[in-house]
Amino acid sequence: MAVPELWAGTDAGKAEHHCVVIDADGKRKLSRRVANDEAALLNLIGDVLALSEGGSVTWAIDLNAGGAALMIALLTDNGQQVLYIPGRTVHHAAGSYRGEGKTDAKDAFVIADQARMRRDLQMMRRGDEIAVDLRILTSRRLDLAADRTRAINRLRAQMLEYFPALERAFEYKTSKAALVLLTSYQTPTALRRIGNSRLATWLKNRKVRNHKVVAATALEAAEAQHTAVAGEKVAAAVVAKPARAVMALGEEIAETDALIESRLHDHPHAEVILSLPGVGPVLGAEFIAHTGGDMSVFGTADRLAGVAGLAPVPKDSGRISGNMRRPRRYCRRLLRVFYMSAMVAARCCPVSKAFYERKRAEGKSHKQAVIALARRRLNVLWALIRDGRPFEITAPPNSIVLS
C-alpha cells in the first residue's frame, strides 16, 4: 500500500466537526470547522483531495457511530481510507502535545498526527445493513428493558409504603397477571370488597392465566392487612400508572424481539451463530451488531477476544512478571454476549458443562470458570463461522469440541 501524503484528523461532534490536515512532516495544511451536513462535508472532502494533488489521503476520526455516521458513510462511499481512534486514546495522547488547553482544533490535530505515526489503528468500513439494523434494534431493546426494570422498581417501592403484603405476593418482573390486577385493584379494602370469586371472574375476562390462583393470592394479602396507611388512595392511583406502563413496555419488548429475530435470520451466519448452545436470537443479534458479522475485520480469534475483553493483558513491572489483568478498553456488550451464553450453556450443554466443571475442579471460582468457558466458546464460534457449519454436540472425532 502506498504511503499516504496527507492525514486528515476529524474531531467529530453532534452539530459540527473540526478537521485538521497535516503532511508527512506534521505541518498543518488545512484547519476547518464544518457543519454536520452532507453538502458541507462533501465540500470538505473535495478540498482535502484537491490538497493531496492526486496522492492518497488517510482520514481518522474519534467516533465510529452517532454524529460521525454521515461523515463515515460519505468517506467510505468515496473510496477513502478511514481509521478509528477512540476518544480515550486521543485524550491520553493529547497530554504529550504542546499546550495544556483543549480545543477541537488541537484534538483534530492529535487525531491526524496519531494516524500518521501509529500502525495499530482499526480501519473502518461502511456498516453492513443487517448489522446496522440489529445494532439499532438491540440498543432499543436494551433501553426498553432498562425502562421496564426502573418502572417495576418504582412500582414496588410505592407499594411497599402502603401495602407490603401485596408487594411480596407476586414477582412483578414475570407476572403479567399481577400487573393486570394492579391496573384496577391496588388496596386491601378494594380487594376485600370485590371478593375472591368476582375477582377471579374479572381476571378471567381479561385472559389472565391461573386467574383463580392469582385472585386467591391477592385476597390472602388483603386479609393480612386491615390498617389503612396514610396516603393510601394517592399511592394506589400512582401504582396503577406504572403497572400499565410496565405492561406496555413488555408488549413493545416482545414486538422488538420479533423484529430482531426476523432481521437476524436475514444474515448469512445466523444459522451457525444460533446453533451454539446458549445463544438465542437476542444474543446472536448483539454479536452481529457489535462485530458487523464480518470476522475478517478482526483477523484472528485472539483479536476478537481482545475486543470482547476475554483476552487478559500483561501487568508486569520491574522484577514482577507473569501478572495478567482484564483490559480496560473492550466492548462490554460483546463480553455480555459470550458471558451470558456461557452461563446458560454451562447448565444445558453437556460439553460446556463438562468444561465448566473441570475448571471448577482446578480451583477456579464460578466467575473465572464462566469466563474461561466464554473464551473457549469464542474460539469455537470463530471456527464455525470460518467453516460455515453449525455446532454439533455429538460430532465426529475431527470436529470442533470445547474440551
Foldseek 3Di string as FASTA:
>chain_A
DDQFQKEWFWEFDQFKIWIWIAGLVLDTPDIDIFTLDDVRLVVVVVVVCVVSVPTAYEYEYADDDHSCLVNQVVQQVVVHKYWYDHPVNLVVQLVVDPDPDDDSRSSRSSRRVCVSPDDPTFIDHNFDPLLQVLLVLLVVLVVLVVVLVVLLVVLLVLLCQWQPLLSPLDDLVPALLSLVCLLPDRALVSLVVCDQVNQLVVSVVVVHPPSNVVSVSSNVSSVVDDDGDPPNVVSSVVSNVSSVVSVVSVVVSVVSLVVQQVSLVVDLCSQQQCLQALQDSSLSSLLCNVVSLDCVSQVDLQSVCLQLQLHWDWDDDDPRGDDTDGDPHHDPSNVCSLLRSLVRCCPVPPLSVVQLVVVVVVVDDNSVSSSLSSSLVSNLSVVCSVVVHHDDNPDPPPHDGSD
